């Protein structure tokens, strides 16, 4: 946006400049009714909506709540350690299994 130092006309109004950034700036048109439209609309995917709608109890059989509590406590105590070799091995094992499954 280009504003001349002593020119207060259109101050605060969005301006469209010329191709070369010249001084022929004109105010951009506002939508009818003066309400601005959002540049993008963001929402949840259908999978996220389904997951959000499921109660935690429905997934309780997949969670080891005792293990979760133990990990939280160890993090709070500062005694939680990560076995990076094991994590890397599992990641690579999962990747290899996925590649093999895709070929089969």
PDB file of N, CA and C in Angstrom:
ATOM      1  N   UNK A   1       0.847  -1.159   0.000  1.00  0.00           N
ATOM      2  CA  UNK A   1       0.000   0.000   0.000  1.00  0.00           C
ATOM      3  C   UNK A   1       0.898   1.229   0.000  1.00  0.00           C
ATOM      4  N   UNK A   2       0.526   2.192  -0.781  1.00  0.00           N
ATOM      5  CA  UNK A   2       1.294   3.432  -0.869  1.00  0.00           C
ATOM      6  C   UNK A   2       0.437   4.560  -0.335  1.00  0.00           C
ATOM      7  N   UNK A   3       0.976   5.299   0.620  1.00  0.00           N
ATOM      8  CA  UNK A   3       0.291   6.476   1.154  1.00  0.00           C
ATOM      9  C   UNK A   3       1.270   7.629   1.102  1.00  0.00           C
ATOM     10  N   UNK A   4       0.849   8.709   0.508  1.00  0.00           N
ATOM     11  CA  UNK A   4       1.687   9.904   0.499  1.00  0.00           C
ATOM     12  C   UNK A   4       1.636  10.522   1.888  1.00  0.00           C
ATOM     13  N   UNK A   5       2.726  11.122   2.311  1.00  0.00           N
ATOM     14  CA  UNK A   5       2.851  11.631   3.676  1.00  0.00           C
ATOM     15  C   UNK A   5       1.740  12.604   4.026  1.00  0.00           C
ATOM     16  N   UNK A   6       1.383  13.509   3.147  1.00  0.00           N
ATOM     17  CA  UNK A   6       0.387  14.529   3.463  1.00  0.00           C
ATOM     18  C   UNK A   6      -1.000  14.200   2.933  1.00  0.00           C
ATOM     19  N   UNK A   7      -1.209  13.017   2.389  1.00  0.00           N
ATOM     20  CA  UNK A   7      -2.490  12.645   1.795  1.00  0.00           C
ATOM     21  C   UNK A   7      -3.224  11.720   2.760  1.00  0.00           C
ATOM     22  N   UNK A   8      -4.275  12.212   3.396  1.00  0.00           N
ATOM     23  CA  UNK A   8      -5.017  11.402   4.355  1.00  0.00           C
ATOM     24  C   UNK A   8      -6.293  10.825   3.741  1.00  0.00           C
ATOM     25  N   UNK A   9      -6.545  11.129   2.460  1.00  0.00           N
ATOM     26  CA  UNK A   9      -7.729  10.574   1.809  1.00  0.00           C
ATOM     27  C   UNK A   9      -7.589   9.056   1.738  1.00  0.00           C
ATOM     28  N   UNK A  10      -8.577   8.331   2.191  1.00  0.00           N
ATOM     29  CA  UNK A  10      -8.559   6.887   2.105  1.00  0.00           C
ATOM     30  C   UNK A  10      -7.665   6.226   3.145  1.00  0.00           C
ATOM     31  N   UNK A  11      -7.220   6.982   4.135  1.00  0.00           N
ATOM     32  CA  UNK A  11      -6.380   6.411   5.176  1.00  0.00           C
ATOM     33  C   UNK A  11      -7.128   5.286   5.868  1.00  0.00           C
ATOM     34  N   UNK A  12      -6.516   4.152   5.979  1.00  0.00           N
ATOM     35  CA  UNK A  12      -7.167   3.002   6.586  1.00  0.00           C
ATOM     36  C   UNK A  12      -7.950   2.173   5.597  1.00  0.00           C
ATOM     37  N   UNK A  13      -8.052   2.627   4.361  1.00  0.00           N
ATOM     38  CA  UNK A  13      -8.752   1.888   3.325  1.00  0.00           C
ATOM     39  C   UNK A  13      -7.747   1.031   2.574  1.00  0.00           C
ATOM     40  N   UNK A  14      -8.089  -0.238   2.271  1.00  0.00           N
ATOM     41  CA  UNK A  14      -7.173  -1.041   1.457  1.00  0.00           C
ATOM     42  C   UNK A  14      -7.020  -0.411   0.084  1.00  0.00           C
ATOM     43  N   UNK A  15      -5.826  -0.439  -0.452  1.00  0.00           N
ATOM     44  CA  UNK A  15      -5.527   0.181  -1.734  1.00  0.00           C
ATOM     45  C   UNK A  15      -4.992  -0.862  -2.711  1.00  0.00           C
ATOM     46  N   UNK A  16      -5.337  -0.704  -3.965  1.00  0.00           N
ATOM     47  CA  UNK A  16      -4.774  -1.534  -5.029  1.00  0.00           C
ATOM     48  C   UNK A  16      -3.806  -0.656  -5.805  1.00  0.00           C
ATOM     49  N   UNK A  17      -2.573  -1.073  -5.912  1.00  0.00           N
ATOM     50  CA  UNK A  17      -1.583  -0.265  -6.616  1.00  0.00           C
ATOM     51  C   UNK A  17      -1.551  -0.636  -8.085  1.00  0.00           C
ATOM     52  N   UNK A  18      -0.922   0.219  -8.875  1.00  0.00           N
ATOM     53  CA  UNK A  18      -0.753  -0.059 -10.291  1.00  0.00           C
ATOM     54  C   UNK A  18       0.272  -1.163 -10.499  1.00  0.00           C
ATOM     55  N   UNK A  19       0.465  -1.579 -11.721  1.00  0.00           N
ATOM     56  CA  UNK A  19       1.394  -2.653 -12.026  1.00  0.00           C
ATOM     57  C   UNK A  19       2.811  -2.344 -11.575  1.00  0.00           C
ATOM     58  N   UNK A  20       3.214  -1.101 -11.698  1.00  0.00           N
ATOM     59  CA  UNK A  20       4.570  -0.725 -11.313  1.00  0.00           C
ATOM     60  C   UNK A  20       4.624  -0.135  -9.914  1.00  0.00           C
ATOM     61  N   UNK A  21       3.568  -0.320  -9.124  1.00  0.00           N
ATOM     62  CA  UNK A  21       3.531   0.243  -7.787  1.00  0.00           C
ATOM     63  C   UNK A  21       3.412   1.749  -7.813  1.00  0.00           C
ATOM     64  N   UNK A  22       2.851   2.269  -8.886  1.00  0.00           N
ATOM     65  CA  UNK A  22       2.747   3.708  -9.067  1.00  0.00           C
ATOM     66  C   UNK A  22       1.761   4.350  -8.121  1.00  0.00           C
ATOM     67  N   UNK A  23       1.578   5.651  -8.303  1.00  0.00           N
ATOM     68  CA  UNK A  23       0.745   6.410  -7.388  1.00  0.00           C
ATOM     69  C   UNK A  23      -0.712   6.443  -7.814  1.00  0.00           C
ATOM     70  N   UNK A  24      -1.116   5.608  -8.755  1.00  0.00           N
ATOM     71  CA  UNK A  24      -2.510   5.602  -9.193  1.00  0.00           C
ATOM     72  C   UNK A  24      -3.336   4.613  -8.367  1.00  0.00           C
ATOM     73  N   UNK A  25      -3.127   4.612  -7.052  1.00  0.00           N
ATOM     74  CA  UNK A  25      -3.824   3.684  -6.165  1.00  0.00           C
ATOM     75  C   UNK A  25      -5.286   4.095  -6.043  1.00  0.00           C
ATOM     76  N   UNK A  26      -6.150   3.094  -6.027  1.00  0.00           N
ATOM     77  CA  UNK A  26      -7.582   3.335  -5.869  1.00  0.00           C
ATOM     78  C   UNK A  26      -8.090   2.432  -4.754  1.00  0.00           C
ATOM     79  N   UNK A  27      -9.113   2.875  -4.029  1.00  0.00           N
ATOM     80  CA  UNK A  27      -9.658   2.034  -2.970  1.00  0.00           C
ATOM     81  C   UNK A  27     -10.240   0.746  -3.546  1.00  0.00           C
ATOM     82  N   UNK A  28     -10.005  -0.369  -2.856  1.00  0.00           N
ATOM     83  CA  UNK A  28     -10.609  -1.632  -3.258  1.00  0.00           C
ATOM     84  C   UNK A  28     -12.091  -1.602  -2.937  1.00  0.00           C
ATOM     85  N   UNK A  29     -12.887  -2.313  -3.703  1.00  0.00           N
ATOM     86  CA  UNK A  29     -14.325  -2.338  -3.490  1.00  0.00           C
ATOM     87  C   UNK A  29     -14.672  -3.215  -2.296  1.00  0.00           C
ATOM     88  N   UNK A  30     -15.523  -2.721  -1.434  1.00  0.00           N
ATOM     89  CA  UNK A  30     -16.009  -3.493  -0.305  1.00  0.00           C
ATOM     90  C   UNK A  30     -17.229  -4.295  -0.751  1.00  0.00           C
ATOM     91  N   UNK A  31     -17.444  -5.500  -0.187  1.00  0.00           N
ATOM     92  CA  UNK A  31     -18.629  -6.272  -0.532  1.00  0.00           C
ATOM     93  C   UNK A  31     -19.891  -5.510  -0.147  1.00  0.00           C
ATOM     94  N   UNK A  32     -20.996  -5.814  -0.829  1.00  0.00           N
ATOM     95  CA  UNK A  32     -22.270  -5.171  -0.536  1.00  0.00           C
ATOM     96  C   UNK A  32     -22.634  -5.393   0.920  1.00  0.00           C
ATOM     97  N   UNK A  33     -23.173  -4.372   1.553  1.00  0.00           N
ATOM     98  CA  UNK A  33     -23.567  -4.484   2.940  1.00  0.00           C
ATOM     99  C   UNK A  33     -22.436  -4.156   3.898  1.00  0.00           C
ATOM    100  N   UNK A  34     -21.238  -3.935   3.392  1.00  0.00           N
ATOM    101  CA  UNK A  34     -20.120  -3.554   4.229  1.00  0.00           C
ATOM    102  C   UNK A  34     -19.518  -4.672   5.066  1.00  0.00           C
ATOM    103  N   UNK A  35     -19.992  -5.902   4.914  1.00  0.00           N
ATOM    104  CA  UNK A  35     -19.444  -7.013   5.690  1.00  0.00           C
ATOM    105  C   UNK A  35     -18.312  -7.667   4.915  1.00  0.00           C
ATOM    106  N   UNK A  36     -17.213  -7.884   5.601  1.00  0.00           N
ATOM    107  CA  UNK A  36     -16.066  -8.523   4.970  1.00  0.00           C
ATOM    108  C   UNK A  36     -16.260 -10.036   4.963  1.00  0.00           C
ATOM    109  N   UNK A  37     -15.836 -10.664   3.911  1.00  0.00           N
ATOM    110  CA  UNK A  37     -15.897 -12.121   3.798  1.00  0.00           C
ATOM    111  C   UNK A  37     -14.573 -12.710   4.252  1.00  0.00           C
ATOM    112  N   UNK A  38     -14.579 -13.866   4.924  1.00  0.00           N
ATOM    113  CA  UNK A  38     -13.308 -14.475   5.330  1.00  0.00           C
ATOM    114  C   UNK A  38     -12.506 -14.929   4.119  1.00  0.00           C
ATOM    115  N   UNK A  39     -11.190 -14.877   4.236  1.00  0.00           N
ATOM    116  CA  UNK A  39     -10.320 -15.299   3.145  1.00  0.00           C
ATOM    117  C   UNK A  39     -10.359 -16.802   2.964  1.00  0.00           C
ATOM    118  N   UNK A  40     -10.587 -17.536   4.052  1.00  0.00           N
ATOM    119  CA  UNK A  40     -10.635 -18.995   3.994  1.00  0.00           C
ATOM    120  C   UNK A  40     -11.577 -19.494   5.081  1.00  0.00           C
ATOM    121  N   UNK A  41     -12.181 -20.615   4.815  1.00  0.00           N
ATOM    122  CA  UNK A  41     -13.042 -21.258   5.800  1.00  0.00           C
ATOM    123  C   UNK A  41     -12.341 -22.530   6.240  1.00  0.00           C
ATOM    124  N   UNK A  42     -12.149 -22.667   7.542  1.00  0.00           N
ATOM    125  CA  UNK A  42     -11.443 -23.825   8.083  1.00  0.00           C
ATOM    126  C   UNK A  42     -12.423 -24.632   8.915  1.00  0.00           C
ATOM    127  N   UNK A  43     -12.411 -25.939   8.719  1.00  0.00           N
ATOM    128  CA  UNK A  43     -13.308 -26.801   9.473  1.00  0.00           C
ATOM    129  C   UNK A  43     -12.672 -28.146   9.734  1.00  0.00           C
ATOM    130  N   UNK A  44     -13.384 -28.984  10.449  1.00  0.00           N
ATOM    131  CA  UNK A  44     -12.914 -30.335  10.748  1.00  0.00           C
ATOM    132  C   UNK A  44     -13.265 -31.272   9.606  1.00  0.00           C
ATOM    133  N   UNK A  45     -12.381 -32.237   9.361  1.00  0.00           N
ATOM    134  CA  UNK A  45     -12.677 -33.259   8.368  1.00  0.00           C
ATOM    135  C   UNK A  45     -13.759 -34.176   8.931  1.00  0.00           C
ATOM    136  N   UNK A  46     -14.359 -34.967   8.080  1.00  0.00           N
ATOM    137  CA  UNK A  46     -15.386 -35.902   8.534  1.00  0.00           C
ATOM    138  C   UNK A  46     -14.805 -36.906   9.527  1.00  0.00           C
ATOM    139  N   UNK A  47     -13.583 -37.374   9.290  1.00  0.00           N
ATOM    140  CA  UNK A  47     -12.943 -38.324  10.208  1.00  0.00           C
ATOM    141  C   UNK A  47     -12.735 -37.692  11.577  1.00  0.00           C
ATOM    142  N   UNK A  48     -12.353 -36.426  11.610  1.00  0.00           N
ATOM    143  CA  UNK A  48     -12.154 -35.741  12.882  1.00  0.00           C
ATOM    144  C   UNK A  48     -13.478 -35.572  13.616  1.00  0.00           C
ATOM    145  N   UNK A  49     -14.556 -35.278  12.868  1.00  0.00           N
ATOM    146  CA  UNK A  49     -15.866 -35.140  13.493  1.00  0.00           C
ATOM    147  C   UNK A  49     -16.328 -36.453  14.109  1.00  0.00           C
ATOM    148  N   UNK A  50     -16.082 -37.557  13.407  1.00  0.00           N
ATOM    149  CA  UNK A  50     -16.459 -38.876  13.924  1.00  0.00           C
ATOM    150  C   UNK A  50     -15.655 -39.188  15.172  1.00  0.00           C
ATOM    151  N   UNK A  51     -14.359 -38.940  15.132  1.00  0.00           N
ATOM    152  CA  UNK A  51     -13.501 -39.219  16.286  1.00  0.00           C
ATOM    153  C   UNK A  51     -13.887 -38.356  17.475  1.00  0.00           C
ATOM    154  N   UNK A  52     -14.263 -37.123  17.217  1.00  0.00           N
ATOM    155  CA  UNK A  52     -14.653 -36.211  18.285  1.00  0.00           C
ATOM    156  C   UNK A  52     -15.982 -36.637  18.902  1.00  0.00           C
ATOM    157  N   UNK A  53     -16.858 -37.217  18.099  1.00  0.00           N
ATOM    158  CA  UNK A  53     -18.180 -37.608  18.574  1.00  0.00           C
ATOM    159  C   UNK A  53     -18.136 -38.875  19.428  1.00  0.00           C
ATOM    160  N   UNK A  54     -17.106 -39.702  19.250  1.00  0.00           N
ATOM    161  CA  UNK A  54     -17.014 -40.936  20.009  1.00  0.00           C
ATOM    162  C   UNK A  54     -16.610 -40.634  21.440  1.00  0.00           C
ATOM    163  N   UNK A  55     -17.335 -41.182  22.398  1.00  0.00           N
ATOM    164  CA  UNK A  55     -16.946 -40.955  23.788  1.00  0.00           C
ATOM    165  C   UNK A  55     -15.643 -41.675  24.105  1.00  0.00           C
ATOM    166  N   UNK A  56     -14.929 -41.159  25.094  1.00  0.00           N
ATOM    167  CA  UNK A  56     -13.653 -41.751  25.488  1.00  0.00           C
ATOM    168  C   UNK A  56     -13.842 -43.192  25.926  1.00  0.00           C
ATOM    169  N   UNK A  57     -14.973 -43.505  26.527  1.00  0.00           N
ATOM    170  CA  UNK A  57     -15.233 -44.869  27.003  1.00  0.00           C
ATOM    171  C   UNK A  57     -15.226 -45.863  25.851  1.00  0.00           C
ATOM    172  N   UNK A  58     -15.627 -45.428  24.665  1.00  0.00           N
ATOM    173  CA  UNK A  58     -15.645 -46.319  23.508  1.00  0.00           C
ATOM    174  C   UNK A  58     -14.229 -46.724  23.107  1.00  0.00           C
ATOM    175  N   UNK A  59     -13.268 -45.884  23.413  1.00  0.00           N
ATOM    176  CA  UNK A  59     -11.875 -46.173  23.078  1.00  0.00           C
ATOM    177  C   UNK A  59     -11.082 -46.671  24.279  1.00  0.00           C
ATOM    178  N   UNK A  60     -11.745 -46.844  25.406  1.00  0.00           N
ATOM    179  CA  UNK A  60     -11.045 -47.209  26.635  1.00  0.00           C
ATOM    180  C   UNK A  60     -10.326 -48.546  26.505  1.00  0.00           C
ATOM    181  N   UNK A  61     -10.877 -49.480  25.727  1.00  0.00           N
ATOM    182  CA  UNK A  61     -10.210 -50.772  25.574  1.00  0.00           C
ATOM    183  C   UNK A  61      -8.886 -50.638  24.823  1.00  0.00           C
ATOM    184  N   UNK A  62      -8.709 -49.556  24.067  1.00  0.00           N
ATOM    185  CA  UNK A  62      -7.467 -49.331  23.333  1.00  0.00           C
ATOM    186  C   UNK A  62      -6.422 -48.611  24.188  1.00  0.00           C
ATOM    187  N   UNK A  63      -6.862 -48.012  25.309  1.00  0.00           N
ATOM    188  CA  UNK A  63      -5.962 -47.249  26.159  1.00  0.00           C
ATOM    189  C   UNK A  63      -5.608 -48.041  27.407  1.00  0.00           C
ATOM    190  N   UNK A  64      -4.349 -48.006  27.773  1.00  0.00           N
ATOM    191  CA  UNK A  64      -3.909 -48.557  29.042  1.00  0.00           C
ATOM    192  C   UNK A  64      -3.788 -47.373  29.993  1.00  0.00           C
ATOM    193  N   UNK A  65      -4.877 -47.098  30.714  1.00  0.00           N
ATOM    194  CA  UNK A  65      -4.931 -45.906  31.543  1.00  0.00           C
ATOM    195  C   UNK A  65      -3.878 -45.922  32.645  1.00  0.00           C
ATOM    196  N   UNK A  66      -3.531 -47.117  33.144  1.00  0.00           N
ATOM    197  CA  UNK A  66      -2.477 -47.200  34.156  1.00  0.00           C
ATOM    198  C   UNK A  66      -1.135 -46.770  33.567  1.00  0.00           C
ATOM    199  N   UNK A  67      -0.857 -47.196  32.339  1.00  0.00           N
ATOM    200  CA  UNK A  67       0.384 -46.816  31.675  1.00  0.00           C
ATOM    201  C   UNK A  67       0.413 -45.309  31.413  1.00  0.00           C
ATOM    202  N   UNK A  68      -0.717 -44.763  30.994  1.00  0.00           N
ATOM    203  CA  UNK A  68      -0.793 -43.322  30.750  1.00  0.00           C
ATOM    204  C   UNK A  68      -0.501 -42.558  32.038  1.00  0.00           C
ATOM    205  N   UNK A  69      -1.101 -42.983  33.145  1.00  0.00           N
ATOM    206  CA  UNK A  69      -0.872 -42.317  34.425  1.00  0.00           C
ATOM    207  C   UNK A  69       0.590 -42.447  34.863  1.00  0.00           C
ATOM    208  N   UNK A  70       1.184 -43.615  34.653  1.00  0.00           N
ATOM    209  CA  UNK A  70       2.585 -43.823  35.013  1.00  0.00           C
ATOM    210  C   UNK A  70       3.497 -42.904  34.205  1.00  0.00           C
ATOM    211  N   UNK A  71       3.240 -42.785  32.914  1.00  0.00           N
ATOM    212  CA  UNK A  71       4.054 -41.912  32.055  1.00  0.00           C
ATOM    213  C   UNK A  71       3.898 -40.457  32.485  1.00  0.00           C
ATOM    214  N   UNK A  72       2.668 -40.044  32.777  1.00  0.00           N
ATOM    215  CA  UNK A  72       2.452 -38.664  33.241  1.00  0.00           C
ATOM    216  C   UNK A  72       3.233 -38.388  34.517  1.00  0.00           C
ATOM    217  N   UNK A  73       3.201 -39.344  35.439  1.00  0.00           N
ATOM    218  CA  UNK A  73       3.898 -39.165  36.705  1.00  0.00           C
ATOM    219  C   UNK A  73       5.412 -39.086  36.494  1.00  0.00           C
ATOM    220  N   UNK A  74       5.949 -39.942  35.618  1.00  0.00           N
ATOM    221  CA  UNK A  74       7.381 -39.938  35.348  1.00  0.00           C
ATOM    222  C   UNK A  74       7.813 -38.646  34.655  1.00  0.00           C
ATOM    223  N   UNK A  75       6.956 -38.118  33.785  1.00  0.00           N
ATOM    224  CA  UNK A  75       7.263 -36.827  33.141  1.00  0.00           C
ATOM    225  C   UNK A  75       7.284 -35.734  34.201  1.00  0.00           C
ATOM    226  N   UNK A  76       6.282 -35.743  35.099  1.00  0.00           N
ATOM    227  CA  UNK A  76       6.212 -34.738  36.156  1.00  0.00           C
ATOM    228  C   UNK A  76       7.420 -34.830  37.089  1.00  0.00           C
ATOM    229  N   UNK A  77       7.883 -36.043  37.353  1.00  0.00           N
ATOM    230  CA  UNK A  77       9.032 -36.243  38.237  1.00  0.00           C
ATOM    231  C   UNK A  77      10.357 -35.966  37.541  1.00  0.00           C
ATOM    232  N   UNK A  78      10.345 -35.910  36.221  1.00  0.00           N
ATOM    233  CA  UNK A  78      11.578 -35.707  35.464  1.00  0.00           C
ATOM    234  C   UNK A  78      12.376 -36.981  35.274  1.00  0.00           C
ATOM    235  N   UNK A  79      11.724 -38.142  35.460  1.00  0.00           N
ATOM    236  CA  UNK A  79      12.428 -39.423  35.328  1.00  0.00           C
ATOM    237  C   UNK A  79      12.059 -40.165  34.052  1.00  0.00           C
ATOM    238  N   UNK A  80      11.232 -39.569  33.190  1.00  0.00           N
ATOM    239  CA  UNK A  80      10.826 -40.231  31.957  1.00  0.00           C
ATOM    240  C   UNK A  80      11.973 -40.159  30.956  1.00  0.00           C
ATOM    241  N   UNK A  81      12.376 -41.305  30.446  1.00  0.00           N
ATOM    242  CA  UNK A  81      13.442 -41.361  29.456  1.00  0.00           C
ATOM    243  C   UNK A  81      12.931 -42.054  28.204  1.00  0.00           C
ATOM    244  N   UNK A  82      13.415 -41.606  27.074  1.00  0.00           N
ATOM    245  CA  UNK A  82      13.007 -42.174  25.789  1.00  0.00           C
ATOM    246  C   UNK A  82      14.136 -43.047  25.261  1.00  0.00           C
ATOM    247  N   UNK A  83      13.805 -44.267  24.866  1.00  0.00           N
ATOM    248  CA  UNK A  83      14.768 -45.178  24.243  1.00  0.00           C
ATOM    249  C   UNK A  83      14.728 -44.914  22.743  1.00  0.00           C
ATOM    250  N   UNK A  84      15.623 -44.050  22.285  1.00  0.00           N
ATOM    251  CA  UNK A  84      15.610 -43.619  20.890  1.00  0.00           C
ATOM    252  C   UNK A  84      15.897 -44.765  19.925  1.00  0.00           C
ATOM    253  N   UNK A  85      16.715 -45.703  20.325  1.00  0.00           N
ATOM    254  CA  UNK A  85      16.999 -46.863  19.479  1.00  0.00           C
ATOM    255  C   UNK A  85      15.724 -47.680  19.251  1.00  0.00           C
ATOM    256  N   UNK A  86      14.944 -47.866  20.317  1.00  0.00           N
ATOM    257  CA  UNK A  86      13.705 -48.633  20.204  1.00  0.00           C
ATOM    258  C   UNK A  86      12.683 -47.894  19.335  1.00  0.00           C
ATOM    259  N   UNK A  87      12.585 -46.595  19.530  1.00  0.00           N
ATOM    260  CA  UNK A  87      11.657 -45.790  18.725  1.00  0.00           C
ATOM    261  C   UNK A  87      12.040 -45.873  17.252  1.00  0.00           C
ATOM    262  N   UNK A  88      13.319 -45.686  16.955  1.00  0.00           N
ATOM    263  CA  UNK A  88      13.781 -45.741  15.565  1.00  0.00           C
ATOM    264  C   UNK A  88      13.543 -47.120  14.966  1.00  0.00           C
ATOM    265  N   UNK A  89      13.808 -48.163  15.730  1.00  0.00           N
ATOM    266  CA  UNK A  89      13.578 -49.524  15.241  1.00  0.00           C
ATOM    267  C   UNK A  89      12.115 -49.778  14.924  1.00  0.00           C
ATOM    268  N   UNK A  90      11.225 -49.298  15.799  1.00  0.00           N
ATOM    269  CA  UNK A  90       9.790 -49.470  15.552  1.00  0.00           C
ATOM    270  C   UNK A  90       9.329 -48.686  14.327  1.00  0.00           C
ATOM    271  N   UNK A  91       9.840 -47.460  14.177  1.00  0.00           N
ATOM    272  CA  UNK A  91       9.472 -46.661  13.005  1.00  0.00           C
ATOM    273  C   UNK A  91       9.912 -47.344  11.715  1.00  0.00           C
ATOM    274  N   UNK A  92      11.145 -47.818  11.701  1.00  0.00           N
ATOM    275  CA  UNK A  92      11.643 -48.495  10.504  1.00  0.00           C
ATOM    276  C   UNK A  92      10.902 -49.797  10.263  1.00  0.00           C
ATOM    277  N   UNK A  93      10.611 -50.524  11.342  1.00  0.00           N
ATOM    278  CA  UNK A  93       9.853 -51.771  11.198  1.00  0.00           C
ATOM    279  C   UNK A  93       8.472 -51.524  10.621  1.00  0.00           C
ATOM    280  N   UNK A  94       7.812 -50.468  11.089  1.00  0.00           N
ATOM    281  CA  UNK A  94       6.492 -50.120  10.552  1.00  0.00           C
ATOM    282  C   UNK A  94       6.573 -49.699   9.091  1.00  0.00           C
ATOM    283  N   UNK A  95       7.616 -48.971   8.741  1.00  0.00           N
ATOM    284  CA  UNK A  95       7.775 -48.519   7.353  1.00  0.00           C
ATOM    285  C   UNK A  95       8.024 -49.707   6.442  1.00  0.00           C
ATOM    286  N   UNK A  96       8.876 -50.633   6.871  1.00  0.00           N
ATOM    287  CA  UNK A  96       9.161 -51.814   6.062  1.00  0.00           C
ATOM    288  C   UNK A  96       7.903 -52.665   5.899  1.00  0.00           C
ATOM    289  N   UNK A  97       7.143 -52.819   6.977  1.00  0.00           N
ATOM    290  CA  UNK A  97       5.902 -53.597   6.904  1.00  0.00           C
ATOM    291  C   UNK A  97       4.908 -52.953   5.958  1.00  0.00           C
ATOM    292  N   UNK A  98       4.829 -51.624   5.970  1.00  0.00           N
ATOM    293  CA  UNK A  98       3.904 -50.922   5.084  1.00  0.00           C
ATOM    294  C   UNK A  98       4.309 -51.098   3.626  1.00  0.00           C
ATOM    295  N   UNK A  99       5.612 -51.036   3.351  1.00  0.00           N
ATOM    296  CA  UNK A  99       6.101 -51.207   1.976  1.00  0.00           C
ATOM    297  C   UNK A  99       5.812 -52.616   1.497  1.00  0.00           C
ATOM    298  N   UNK A 100       6.069 -53.587   2.364  1.00  0.00           N
ATOM    299  CA  UNK A 100       5.811 -54.975   1.982  1.00  0.00           C
ATOM    300  C   UNK A 100       4.326 -55.227   1.768  1.00  0.00           C
ATOM    301  N   UNK A 101       3.488 -54.629   2.571  1.00  0.00           N
ATOM    302  CA  UNK A 101       2.043 -54.803   2.426  1.00  0.00           C
ATOM    303  C   UNK A 101       1.555 -54.178   1.113  1.00  0.00           C
ATOM    304  N   UNK A 102       2.171 -53.087   0.709  1.00  0.00           N
ATOM    305  CA  UNK A 102       1.788 -52.432  -0.541  1.00  0.00           C
ATOM    306  C   UNK A 102       2.170 -53.224  -1.770  1.00  0.00           C
ATOM    307  N   UNK A 103       3.197 -54.030  -1.673  1.00  0.00           N
ATOM    308  CA  UNK A 103       3.657 -54.834  -2.818  1.00  0.00           C
ATOM    309  C   UNK A 103       2.875 -56.118  -2.948  1.00  0.00           C
ATOM    310  N   UNK A 104       2.291 -56.565  -1.834  1.00  0.00           N
ATOM    311  CA  UNK A 104       1.624 -57.867  -1.820  1.00  0.00           C
ATOM    312  C   UNK A 104       0.304 -57.843  -2.399  1.00  0.00           C
TER     313      UNK A 104
END
